[in-house]
Amino acid sequence: MKTYLKLLVIAMACLPLLAFAGPVDINSADAETLSAELDGVGLAKARAIVEYRKKYGPFKTAEDLSLVKGIGERTVEINRDNIRVAAPKKK
């Protein structure tokens, strides 16, 4: 029984390691979502993405993300499969 409990505790501790980033729309996601879903993007960089988007308008391609200070081409490449670029909604 003790062995079972130890294994259960180890398995529970490893669950966060199994979490994978999901697709995120860089034109609508807030900073918290961007930092949670994009590898290598912390809250400060995520806030820079949101500020850039507010100042210059929506991103047209995933590559445009590298125009944000602190976001390099490598970060874009690492996250390419999770980056979505939806057209802005018409008002």
PDB file of N, CA and C in Angstrom:
ATOM      1  N   MET A   1       0.817  -1.195   0.000  1.00  0.00           N
ATOM      2  CA  MET A   1       0.000   0.000   0.000  1.00  0.00           C
ATOM      3  C   MET A   1       0.864   1.264   0.000  1.00  0.00           C
ATOM      4  N   LYS A   2       1.954   1.248   0.777  1.00  0.00           N
ATOM      5  CA  LYS A   2       2.829   2.416   0.818  1.00  0.00           C
ATOM      6  C   LYS A   2       3.469   2.668  -0.540  1.00  0.00           C
ATOM      7  N   THR A   3       3.835   1.608  -1.226  1.00  0.00           N
ATOM      8  CA  THR A   3       4.426   1.746  -2.556  1.00  0.00           C
ATOM      9  C   THR A   3       3.426   2.384  -3.518  1.00  0.00           C
ATOM     10  N   TYR A   4       2.176   1.951  -3.444  1.00  0.00           N
ATOM     11  CA  TYR A   4       1.119   2.498  -4.287  1.00  0.00           C
ATOM     12  C   TYR A   4       0.968   3.999  -4.036  1.00  0.00           C
ATOM     13  N   LEU A   5       0.959   4.406  -2.787  1.00  0.00           N
ATOM     14  CA  LEU A   5       0.816   5.825  -2.449  1.00  0.00           C
ATOM     15  C   LEU A   5       2.010   6.638  -2.939  1.00  0.00           C
ATOM     16  N   LYS A   6       3.198   6.076  -2.821  1.00  0.00           N
ATOM     17  CA  LYS A   6       4.389   6.770  -3.316  1.00  0.00           C
ATOM     18  C   LYS A   6       4.307   6.970  -4.825  1.00  0.00           C
ATOM     19  N   LEU A   7       3.895   5.926  -5.523  1.00  0.00           N
ATOM     20  CA  LEU A   7       3.758   6.033  -6.975  1.00  0.00           C
ATOM     21  C   LEU A   7       2.692   7.053  -7.356  1.00  0.00           C
ATOM     22  N   LEU A   8       1.619   7.069  -6.602  1.00  0.00           N
ATOM     23  CA  LEU A   8       0.547   8.024  -6.867  1.00  0.00           C
ATOM     24  C   LEU A   8       1.046   9.457  -6.663  1.00  0.00           C
ATOM     25  N   VAL A   9       1.788   9.687  -5.606  1.00  0.00           N
ATOM     26  CA  VAL A   9       2.333  11.018  -5.331  1.00  0.00           C
ATOM     27  C   VAL A   9       3.298  11.427  -6.440  1.00  0.00           C
ATOM     28  N   ILE A  10       4.143  10.525  -6.877  1.00  0.00           N
ATOM     29  CA  ILE A  10       5.088  10.825  -7.961  1.00  0.00           C
ATOM     30  C   ILE A  10       4.339  11.138  -9.249  1.00  0.00           C
ATOM     31  N   ALA A  11       3.319  10.356  -9.553  1.00  0.00           N
ATOM     32  CA  ALA A  11       2.524  10.586 -10.764  1.00  0.00           C
ATOM     33  C   ALA A  11       1.832  11.946 -10.716  1.00  0.00           C
ATOM     34  N   MET A  12       1.296  12.300  -9.576  1.00  0.00           N
ATOM     35  CA  MET A  12       0.619  13.590  -9.431  1.00  0.00           C
ATOM     36  C   MET A  12       1.615  14.744  -9.579  1.00  0.00           C
ATOM     37  N   ALA A  13       2.814  14.548  -9.071  1.00  0.00           N
ATOM     38  CA  ALA A  13       3.835  15.587  -9.175  1.00  0.00           C
ATOM     39  C   ALA A  13       4.276  15.795 -10.617  1.00  0.00           C
ATOM     40  N   CYS A  14       4.190  14.756 -11.425  1.00  0.00           N
ATOM     41  CA  CYS A  14       4.635  14.835 -12.818  1.00  0.00           C
ATOM     42  C   CYS A  14       3.564  15.368 -13.758  1.00  0.00           C
ATOM     43  N   LEU A  15       2.332  15.450 -13.326  1.00  0.00           N
ATOM     44  CA  LEU A  15       1.255  15.898 -14.210  1.00  0.00           C
ATOM     45  C   LEU A  15       1.508  17.252 -14.848  1.00  0.00           C
ATOM     46  N   PRO A  16       2.005  18.257 -14.122  1.00  0.00           N
ATOM     47  CA  PRO A  16       2.273  19.542 -14.790  1.00  0.00           C
ATOM     48  C   PRO A  16       3.284  19.424 -15.923  1.00  0.00           C
ATOM     49  N   LEU A  17       4.180  18.478 -15.843  1.00  0.00           N
ATOM     50  CA  LEU A  17       5.162  18.287 -16.903  1.00  0.00           C
ATOM     51  C   LEU A  17       4.524  17.756 -18.180  1.00  0.00           C
ATOM     52  N   LEU A  18       3.353  17.163 -18.045  1.00  0.00           N
ATOM     53  CA  LEU A  18       2.678  16.595 -19.202  1.00  0.00           C
ATOM     54  C   LEU A  18       1.752  17.593 -19.885  1.00  0.00           C
ATOM     55  N   ALA A  19       1.606  18.764 -19.317  1.00  0.00           N
ATOM     56  CA  ALA A  19       0.739  19.772 -19.913  1.00  0.00           C
ATOM     57  C   ALA A  19       1.406  20.340 -21.162  1.00  0.00           C
ATOM     58  N   PHE A  20       0.640  20.433 -22.219  1.00  0.00           N
ATOM     59  CA  PHE A  20       1.151  20.961 -23.482  1.00  0.00           C
ATOM     60  C   PHE A  20       0.457  22.271 -23.789  1.00  0.00           C
ATOM     61  N   ALA A  21       1.185  23.154 -24.422  1.00  0.00           N
ATOM     62  CA  ALA A  21       0.598  24.423 -24.832  1.00  0.00           C
ATOM     63  C   ALA A  21      -0.434  24.168 -25.915  1.00  0.00           C
ATOM     64  N   GLY A  22      -1.466  24.966 -25.896  1.00  0.00           N
ATOM     65  CA  GLY A  22      -2.514  24.822 -26.900  1.00  0.00           C
ATOM     66  C   GLY A  22      -2.494  25.993 -27.855  1.00  0.00           C
ATOM     67  N   PRO A  23      -3.254  25.903 -28.917  1.00  0.00           N
ATOM     68  CA  PRO A  23      -3.304  27.002 -29.878  1.00  0.00           C
ATOM     69  C   PRO A  23      -3.803  28.288 -29.226  1.00  0.00           C
ATOM     70  N   VAL A  24      -3.209  29.397 -29.620  1.00  0.00           N
ATOM     71  CA  VAL A  24      -3.602  30.692 -29.071  1.00  0.00           C
ATOM     72  C   VAL A  24      -3.622  31.728 -30.195  1.00  0.00           C
ATOM     73  N   ASP A  25      -4.691  32.499 -30.228  1.00  0.00           N
ATOM     74  CA  ASP A  25      -4.821  33.562 -31.223  1.00  0.00           C
ATOM     75  C   ASP A  25      -4.092  34.792 -30.698  1.00  0.00           C
ATOM     76  N   ILE A  26      -3.002  35.153 -31.347  1.00  0.00           N
ATOM     77  CA  ILE A  26      -2.188  36.277 -30.879  1.00  0.00           C
ATOM     78  C   ILE A  26      -2.868  37.630 -31.100  1.00  0.00           C
ATOM     79  N   ASN A  27      -3.985  37.645 -31.823  1.00  0.00           N
ATOM     80  CA  ASN A  27      -4.720  38.891 -32.030  1.00  0.00           C
ATOM     81  C   ASN A  27      -5.827  39.118 -31.010  1.00  0.00           C
ATOM     82  N   SER A  28      -6.129  38.116 -30.193  1.00  0.00           N
ATOM     83  CA  SER A  28      -7.210  38.310 -29.239  1.00  0.00           C
ATOM     84  C   SER A  28      -6.868  37.875 -27.816  1.00  0.00           C
ATOM     85  N   ALA A  29      -5.834  37.081 -27.640  1.00  0.00           N
ATOM     86  CA  ALA A  29      -5.498  36.570 -26.313  1.00  0.00           C
ATOM     87  C   ALA A  29      -4.947  37.668 -25.414  1.00  0.00           C
ATOM     88  N   ASP A  30      -5.277  37.577 -24.124  1.00  0.00           N
ATOM     89  CA  ASP A  30      -4.714  38.527 -23.165  1.00  0.00           C
ATOM     90  C   ASP A  30      -3.315  38.075 -22.762  1.00  0.00           C
ATOM     91  N   ALA A  31      -2.617  38.912 -22.017  1.00  0.00           N
ATOM     92  CA  ALA A  31      -1.227  38.635 -21.659  1.00  0.00           C
ATOM     93  C   ALA A  31      -1.088  37.340 -20.860  1.00  0.00           C
ATOM     94  N   GLU A  32      -1.998  37.096 -19.942  1.00  0.00           N
ATOM     95  CA  GLU A  32      -1.921  35.883 -19.127  1.00  0.00           C
ATOM     96  C   GLU A  32      -2.029  34.631 -19.989  1.00  0.00           C
ATOM     97  N   THR A  33      -2.929  34.651 -20.955  1.00  0.00           N
ATOM     98  CA  THR A  33      -3.105  33.505 -21.849  1.00  0.00           C
ATOM     99  C   THR A  33      -1.877  33.320 -22.728  1.00  0.00           C
ATOM    100  N   LEU A  34      -1.365  34.403 -23.268  1.00  0.00           N
ATOM    101  CA  LEU A  34      -0.178  34.310 -24.114  1.00  0.00           C
ATOM    102  C   LEU A  34       0.998  33.718 -23.344  1.00  0.00           C
ATOM    103  N   SER A  35       1.208  34.184 -22.121  1.00  0.00           N
ATOM    104  CA  SER A  35       2.344  33.671 -21.345  1.00  0.00           C
ATOM    105  C   SER A  35       2.145  32.222 -20.947  1.00  0.00           C
ATOM    106  N   ALA A  36       0.906  31.808 -20.749  1.00  0.00           N
ATOM    107  CA  ALA A  36       0.630  30.418 -20.367  1.00  0.00           C
ATOM    108  C   ALA A  36       0.755  29.465 -21.552  1.00  0.00           C
ATOM    109  N   GLU A  37       0.426  29.927 -22.735  1.00  0.00           N
ATOM    110  CA  GLU A  37       0.352  29.038 -23.896  1.00  0.00           C
ATOM    111  C   GLU A  37       1.578  29.050 -24.799  1.00  0.00           C
ATOM    112  N   LEU A  38       2.390  30.085 -24.741  1.00  0.00           N
ATOM    113  CA  LEU A  38       3.550  30.172 -25.627  1.00  0.00           C
ATOM    114  C   LEU A  38       4.833  29.892 -24.861  1.00  0.00           C
ATOM    115  N   ASP A  39       5.597  28.927 -25.325  1.00  0.00           N
ATOM    116  CA  ASP A  39       6.870  28.580 -24.696  1.00  0.00           C
ATOM    117  C   ASP A  39       7.865  29.718 -24.860  1.00  0.00           C
ATOM    118  N   GLY A  40       8.562  30.043 -23.796  1.00  0.00           N
ATOM    119  CA  GLY A  40       9.574  31.089 -23.847  1.00  0.00           C
ATOM    120  C   GLY A  40       9.017  32.496 -23.750  1.00  0.00           C
ATOM    121  N   VAL A  41       7.712  32.613 -23.490  1.00  0.00           N
ATOM    122  CA  VAL A  41       7.068  33.914 -23.367  1.00  0.00           C
ATOM    123  C   VAL A  41       6.528  34.041 -21.948  1.00  0.00           C
ATOM    124  N   GLY A  42       7.203  34.874 -21.172  1.00  0.00           N
ATOM    125  CA  GLY A  42       6.735  35.143 -19.819  1.00  0.00           C
ATOM    126  C   GLY A  42       5.731  36.279 -19.835  1.00  0.00           C
ATOM    127  N   LEU A  43       5.294  36.664 -18.658  1.00  0.00           N
ATOM    128  CA  LEU A  43       4.270  37.694 -18.560  1.00  0.00           C
ATOM    129  C   LEU A  43       4.743  39.044 -19.113  1.00  0.00           C
ATOM    130  N   ALA A  44       5.998  39.389 -18.910  1.00  0.00           N
ATOM    131  CA  ALA A  44       6.506  40.673 -19.418  1.00  0.00           C
ATOM    132  C   ALA A  44       6.483  40.707 -20.951  1.00  0.00           C
ATOM    133  N   LYS A  45       6.931  39.630 -21.578  1.00  0.00           N
ATOM    134  CA  LYS A  45       6.911  39.577 -23.051  1.00  0.00           C
ATOM    135  C   LYS A  45       5.479  39.523 -23.564  1.00  0.00           C
ATOM    136  N   ALA A  46       4.626  38.812 -22.851  1.00  0.00           N
ATOM    137  CA  ALA A  46       3.221  38.727 -23.254  1.00  0.00           C
ATOM    138  C   ALA A  46       2.564  40.103 -23.201  1.00  0.00           C
ATOM    139  N   ARG A  47       2.895  40.868 -22.171  1.00  0.00           N
ATOM    140  CA  ARG A  47       2.360  42.234 -22.086  1.00  0.00           C
ATOM    141  C   ARG A  47       2.886  43.100 -23.225  1.00  0.00           C
ATOM    142  N   ALA A  48       4.137  42.878 -23.619  1.00  0.00           N
ATOM    143  CA  ALA A  48       4.708  43.616 -24.755  1.00  0.00           C
ATOM    144  C   ALA A  48       3.962  43.265 -26.046  1.00  0.00           C
ATOM    145  N   ILE A  49       3.565  42.012 -26.192  1.00  0.00           N
ATOM    146  CA  ILE A  49       2.789  41.592 -27.368  1.00  0.00           C
ATOM    147  C   ILE A  49       1.460  42.333 -27.402  1.00  0.00           C
ATOM    148  N   VAL A  50       0.766  42.378 -26.276  1.00  0.00           N
ATOM    149  CA  VAL A  50      -0.535  43.050 -26.204  1.00  0.00           C
ATOM    150  C   VAL A  50      -0.375  44.544 -26.486  1.00  0.00           C
ATOM    151  N   GLU A  51       0.648  45.168 -25.923  1.00  0.00           N
ATOM    152  CA  GLU A  51       0.881  46.595 -26.158  1.00  0.00           C
ATOM    153  C   GLU A  51       1.205  46.868 -27.629  1.00  0.00           C
ATOM    154  N   TYR A  52       2.019  46.019 -28.230  1.00  0.00           N
ATOM    155  CA  TYR A  52       2.358  46.167 -29.643  1.00  0.00           C
ATOM    156  C   TYR A  52       1.088  46.076 -30.497  1.00  0.00           C
ATOM    157  N   ARG A  53       0.258  45.116 -30.163  1.00  0.00           N
ATOM    158  CA  ARG A  53      -0.995  44.906 -30.905  1.00  0.00           C
ATOM    159  C   ARG A  53      -1.909  46.116 -30.781  1.00  0.00           C
ATOM    160  N   LYS A  54      -1.967  46.699 -29.590  1.00  0.00           N
ATOM    161  CA  LYS A  54      -2.803  47.888 -29.388  1.00  0.00           C
ATOM    162  C   LYS A  54      -2.264  49.077 -30.187  1.00  0.00           C
ATOM    163  N   LYS A  55      -0.943  49.204 -30.224  1.00  0.00           N
ATOM    164  CA  LYS A  55      -0.315  50.354 -30.884  1.00  0.00           C
ATOM    165  C   LYS A  55      -0.326  50.246 -32.404  1.00  0.00           C
ATOM    166  N   TYR A  56      -0.030  49.053 -32.930  1.00  0.00           N
ATOM    167  CA  TYR A  56       0.141  48.885 -34.377  1.00  0.00           C
ATOM    168  C   TYR A  56      -0.973  48.102 -35.073  1.00  0.00           C
ATOM    169  N   GLY A  57      -1.903  47.586 -34.319  1.00  0.00           N
ATOM    170  CA  GLY A  57      -2.995  46.830 -34.918  1.00  0.00           C
ATOM    171  C   GLY A  57      -2.706  45.336 -34.911  1.00  0.00           C
ATOM    172  N   PRO A  58      -3.627  44.564 -35.457  1.00  0.00           N
ATOM    173  CA  PRO A  58      -3.511  43.104 -35.395  1.00  0.00           C
ATOM    174  C   PRO A  58      -2.333  42.560 -36.215  1.00  0.00           C
ATOM    175  N   PHE A  59      -1.843  41.428 -35.774  1.00  0.00           N
ATOM    176  CA  PHE A  59      -0.787  40.733 -36.507  1.00  0.00           C
ATOM    177  C   PHE A  59      -1.394  40.095 -37.746  1.00  0.00           C
ATOM    178  N   LYS A  60      -0.646  40.108 -38.837  1.00  0.00           N
ATOM    179  CA  LYS A  60      -1.114  39.485 -40.076  1.00  0.00           C
ATOM    180  C   LYS A  60      -0.605  38.057 -40.223  1.00  0.00           C
ATOM    181  N   THR A  61       0.593  37.811 -39.687  1.00  0.00           N
ATOM    182  CA  THR A  61       1.193  36.476 -39.762  1.00  0.00           C
ATOM    183  C   THR A  61       1.865  36.150 -38.431  1.00  0.00           C
ATOM    184  N   ALA A  62       2.174  34.900 -38.228  1.00  0.00           N
ATOM    185  CA  ALA A  62       2.896  34.486 -37.022  1.00  0.00           C
ATOM    186  C   ALA A  62       4.264  35.158 -36.979  1.00  0.00           C
ATOM    187  N   GLU A  63       4.892  35.328 -38.120  1.00  0.00           N
ATOM    188  CA  GLU A  63       6.213  35.946 -38.189  1.00  0.00           C
ATOM    189  C   GLU A  63       6.205  37.381 -37.675  1.00  0.00           C
ATOM    190  N   ASP A  64       5.073  38.070 -37.802  1.00  0.00           N
ATOM    191  CA  ASP A  64       4.965  39.449 -37.312  1.00  0.00           C
ATOM    192  C   ASP A  64       5.218  39.538 -35.815  1.00  0.00           C
ATOM    193  N   LEU A  65       5.038  38.444 -35.115  1.00  0.00           N
ATOM    194  CA  LEU A  65       5.271  38.426 -33.677  1.00  0.00           C
ATOM    195  C   LEU A  65       6.722  38.786 -33.349  1.00  0.00           C
ATOM    196  N   SER A  66       7.639  38.491 -34.262  1.00  0.00           N
ATOM    197  CA  SER A  66       9.053  38.801 -34.028  1.00  0.00           C
ATOM    198  C   SER A  66       9.341  40.303 -34.106  1.00  0.00           C
ATOM    199  N   LEU A  67       8.367  41.105 -34.509  1.00  0.00           N
ATOM    200  CA  LEU A  67       8.518  42.559 -34.515  1.00  0.00           C
ATOM    201  C   LEU A  67       8.426  43.138 -33.106  1.00  0.00           C
ATOM    202  N   VAL A  68       7.893  42.352 -32.182  1.00  0.00           N
ATOM    203  CA  VAL A  68       7.764  42.783 -30.794  1.00  0.00           C
ATOM    204  C   VAL A  68       9.121  42.668 -30.113  1.00  0.00           C
ATOM    205  N   LYS A  69       9.539  43.729 -29.432  1.00  0.00           N
ATOM    206  CA  LYS A  69      10.822  43.716 -28.738  1.00  0.00           C
ATOM    207  C   LYS A  69      10.834  42.573 -27.719  1.00  0.00           C
ATOM    208  N   GLY A  70      11.877  41.753 -27.791  1.00  0.00           N
ATOM    209  CA  GLY A  70      12.012  40.631 -26.873  1.00  0.00           C
ATOM    210  C   GLY A  70      11.509  39.310 -27.431  1.00  0.00           C
ATOM    211  N   ILE A  71      10.839  39.363 -28.571  1.00  0.00           N
ATOM    212  CA  ILE A  71      10.346  38.140 -29.216  1.00  0.00           C
ATOM    213  C   ILE A  71      11.178  37.930 -30.475  1.00  0.00           C
ATOM    214  N   GLY A  72      11.959  36.883 -30.485  1.00  0.00           N
ATOM    215  CA  GLY A  72      12.805  36.611 -31.639  1.00  0.00           C
ATOM    216  C   GLY A  72      12.213  35.572 -32.562  1.00  0.00           C
ATOM    217  N   GLU A  73      12.875  35.398 -33.681  1.00  0.00           N
ATOM    218  CA  GLU A  73      12.422  34.412 -34.664  1.00  0.00           C
ATOM    219  C   GLU A  73      12.419  33.007 -34.075  1.00  0.00           C
ATOM    220  N   ARG A  74      13.361  32.731 -33.188  1.00  0.00           N
ATOM    221  CA  ARG A  74      13.428  31.402 -32.563  1.00  0.00           C
ATOM    222  C   ARG A  74      12.178  31.128 -31.718  1.00  0.00           C
ATOM    223  N   THR A  75      11.732  32.131 -30.985  1.00  0.00           N
ATOM    224  CA  THR A  75      10.518  31.980 -30.176  1.00  0.00           C
ATOM    225  C   THR A  75       9.316  31.712 -31.073  1.00  0.00           C
ATOM    226  N   VAL A  76       9.249  32.419 -32.181  1.00  0.00           N
ATOM    227  CA  VAL A  76       8.155  32.200 -33.135  1.00  0.00           C
ATOM    228  C   VAL A  76       8.228  30.773 -33.675  1.00  0.00           C
ATOM    229  N   GLU A  77       9.407  30.331 -34.046  1.00  0.00           N
ATOM    230  CA  GLU A  77       9.571  28.984 -34.610  1.00  0.00           C
ATOM    231  C   GLU A  77       9.184  27.901 -33.599  1.00  0.00           C
ATOM    232  N   ILE A  78       9.604  28.067 -32.357  1.00  0.00           N
ATOM    233  CA  ILE A  78       9.277  27.093 -31.313  1.00  0.00           C
ATOM    234  C   ILE A  78       7.762  26.966 -31.138  1.00  0.00           C
ATOM    235  N   ASN A  79       7.064  28.074 -31.290  1.00  0.00           N
ATOM    236  CA  ASN A  79       5.623  28.107 -31.026  1.00  0.00           C
ATOM    237  C   ASN A  79       4.755  28.065 -32.285  1.00  0.00           C
ATOM    238  N   ARG A  80       5.373  27.909 -33.430  1.00  0.00           N
ATOM    239  CA  ARG A  80       4.638  28.010 -34.697  1.00  0.00           C
ATOM    240  C   ARG A  80       3.344  27.196 -34.732  1.00  0.00           C
ATOM    241  N   ASP A  81       3.367  25.983 -34.223  1.00  0.00           N
ATOM    242  CA  ASP A  81       2.178  25.126 -34.270  1.00  0.00           C
ATOM    243  C   ASP A  81       1.066  25.603 -33.343  1.00  0.00           C
ATOM    244  N   ASN A  82       1.394  26.445 -32.379  1.00  0.00           N
ATOM    245  CA  ASN A  82       0.398  26.925 -31.420  1.00  0.00           C
ATOM    246  C   ASN A  82      -0.076  28.345 -31.689  1.00  0.00           C
ATOM    247  N   ILE A  83       0.554  29.021 -32.639  1.00  0.00           N
ATOM    248  CA  ILE A  83       0.180  30.403 -32.936  1.00  0.00           C
ATOM    249  C   ILE A  83      -0.931  30.427 -33.981  1.00  0.00           C
ATOM    250  N   ARG A  84      -1.995  31.123 -33.639  1.00  0.00           N
ATOM    251  CA  ARG A  84      -3.090  31.348 -34.580  1.00  0.00           C
ATOM    252  C   ARG A  84      -3.193  32.847 -34.822  1.00  0.00           C
ATOM    253  N   VAL A  85      -3.545  33.212 -36.039  1.00  0.00           N
ATOM    254  CA  VAL A  85      -3.689  34.628 -36.403  1.00  0.00           C
ATOM    255  C   VAL A  85      -5.050  34.797 -37.056  1.00  0.00           C
ATOM    256  N   ALA A  86      -6.041  35.042 -36.224  1.00  0.00           N
ATOM    257  CA  ALA A  86      -7.391  35.239 -36.737  1.00  0.00           C
ATOM    258  C   ALA A  86      -7.554  36.676 -37.206  1.00  0.00           C
ATOM    259  N   ALA A  87      -8.361  36.831 -38.217  1.00  0.00           N
ATOM    260  CA  ALA A  87      -8.661  38.188 -38.699  1.00  0.00           C
ATOM    261  C   ALA A  87      -9.445  38.913 -37.613  1.00  0.00           C
ATOM    262  N   PRO A  88      -9.172  40.183 -37.445  1.00  0.00           N
ATOM    263  CA  PRO A  88      -9.922  40.942 -36.427  1.00  0.00           C
ATOM    264  C   PRO A  88     -11.409  40.978 -36.769  1.00  0.00           C
ATOM    265  N   LYS A  89     -12.223  40.963 -35.733  1.00  0.00           N
ATOM    266  CA  LYS A  89     -13.668  40.996 -35.936  1.00  0.00           C
ATOM    267  C   LYS A  89     -14.107  42.393 -36.325  1.00  0.00           C
ATOM    268  N   LYS A  90     -14.989  42.467 -37.285  1.00  0.00           N
ATOM    269  CA  LYS A  90     -15.513  43.752 -37.743  1.00  0.00           C
ATOM    270  C   LYS A  90     -16.522  44.259 -36.728  1.00  0.00           C
ATOM    271  N   LYS A  91     -16.479  45.553 -36.474  1.00  0.00           N
ATOM    272  CA  LYS A  91     -17.400  46.152 -35.500  1.00  0.00           C
ATOM    273  C   LYS A  91     -18.606  46.726 -36.188  1.00  0.00           C
TER     274      LYS A  91
END
